[in-house]
Amino acid sequence: MQQTNLSLDELAGNDEVMSAIALYSQWKDNLLELFHHASHGKRLLRLNSLEDLKYCSQTDILDVLPMQQEPGVLKKR
C-alpha cells in the first residue's frame, strides 16, 4: 500500500482483501511462521514441502506483480 498512490478504498474493495491486508501487516516480518499455523501450510508440511513454504515466504524476489483484472483473470504489472 505504501508503494502506490491508490487509497485503501481503491486498493481493497472487499472484505477478503481487507482481511488479507490486515493479516499481512501483522505477519509481514515472519511469514514462514504464519504459514506453519495456516491450514494449507500445515498440509504442505505433512507433504514434506517445507522448502516450498520457505520459498513462498520470501518477499520481493520477482519483478512481476499479478493484479486481478476481474474474477479469475490476473494481469502482470
Protein backbone atom coordinates (compact mmCIF):
# COMPACT_ATOMS: atom_id res chain seq x y z
CA MET A 1 0.00 0.00 0.00
CA GLN A 2 2.86 2.33 0.70
CA GLN A 3 4.26 1.89 -2.82
CA THR A 4 1.10 3.00 -4.63
CA ASN A 5 -0.87 6.19 -4.99
CA LEU A 6 -4.16 4.32 -4.58
CA SER A 7 -6.28 4.87 -1.50
CA LEU A 8 -7.20 1.91 0.68
CA ASP A 9 -10.76 2.06 -0.71
CA GLU A 10 -9.45 1.90 -4.30
CA LEU A 11 -6.97 -0.86 -3.48
CA ALA A 12 -9.24 -3.07 -1.42
CA GLY A 13 -12.90 -3.10 -2.26
CA ASN A 14 -13.98 -6.26 -0.42
CA ASP A 15 -13.74 -7.97 2.95
CA GLU A 16 -11.34 -10.68 1.77
CA VAL A 17 -8.80 -8.13 0.57
CA MET A 18 -9.14 -6.07 3.74
CA SER A 19 -8.55 -9.22 5.81
CA ALA A 20 -5.52 -10.18 3.71
CA ILE A 21 -4.02 -6.71 4.15
CA ALA A 22 -4.55 -6.83 7.92
CA LEU A 23 -3.08 -10.34 8.17
CA TYR A 24 -0.04 -9.41 6.09
CA SER A 25 0.51 -6.24 8.12
CA GLN A 26 0.63 -8.29 11.31
CA TRP A 27 2.85 -11.11 9.98
CA LYS A 28 4.96 -9.47 7.23
CA ASP A 29 8.16 -9.93 9.23
CA ASN A 30 7.56 -13.63 9.89
CA LEU A 31 5.56 -15.12 7.01
CA LEU A 32 7.12 -18.56 7.39
CA GLU A 33 5.79 -18.87 10.95
CA LEU A 34 2.36 -17.76 9.76
CA PHE A 35 2.41 -20.48 7.12
CA HIS A 36 3.20 -23.03 9.85
CA HIS A 37 -0.08 -22.04 11.57
CA ALA A 38 -2.26 -21.88 8.45
CA SER A 39 -4.24 -24.96 7.39
CA HIS A 40 -2.72 -25.06 3.90
CA GLY A 41 0.75 -24.55 5.34
CA LYS A 42 0.22 -27.47 7.72
CA ARG A 43 -0.92 -29.59 4.79
CA LEU A 44 2.24 -28.75 2.86
CA LEU A 45 4.35 -29.61 5.90
CA ARG A 46 2.62 -33.00 6.12
CA LEU A 47 3.60 -33.47 2.47
CA ASN A 48 7.26 -32.68 3.34
CA SER A 49 7.14 -29.38 1.44
CA LEU A 50 8.98 -27.13 3.88
CA GLU A 51 11.18 -25.80 1.06
CA ASP A 52 8.04 -24.69 -0.79
CA LEU A 53 6.86 -22.80 2.29
CA LYS A 54 10.28 -21.18 2.67
CA TYR A 55 10.19 -20.07 -0.97
CA CYS A 56 6.65 -18.71 -0.67
CA SER A 57 7.51 -16.78 2.48
CA GLN A 58 10.09 -14.66 0.66
CA THR A 59 9.13 -11.16 -0.45
CA ASP A 60 10.28 -9.02 -3.38
CA ILE A 61 12.02 -11.87 -5.21
CA LEU A 62 10.16 -11.38 -8.51
CA ASP A 63 9.78 -8.30 -10.67
CA VAL A 64 6.17 -9.10 -11.61
CA LEU A 65 3.10 -8.10 -9.66
CA PRO A 66 -0.09 -10.01 -10.51
CA MET A 67 -3.16 -7.77 -10.39
CA GLN A 68 -6.70 -9.12 -10.57
CA GLN A 69 -8.39 -7.52 -13.56
CA GLU A 70 -11.68 -9.33 -12.94
CA PRO A 71 -12.63 -12.53 -11.08
CA GLY A 72 -10.42 -15.33 -12.40
CA VAL A 73 -8.25 -13.06 -14.58
CA LEU A 74 -4.79 -11.92 -13.45
CA LYS A 75 -2.58 -9.48 -15.37
CA LYS A 76 1.07 -8.73 -14.71
CA ARG A 77 2.18 -5.24 -13.80
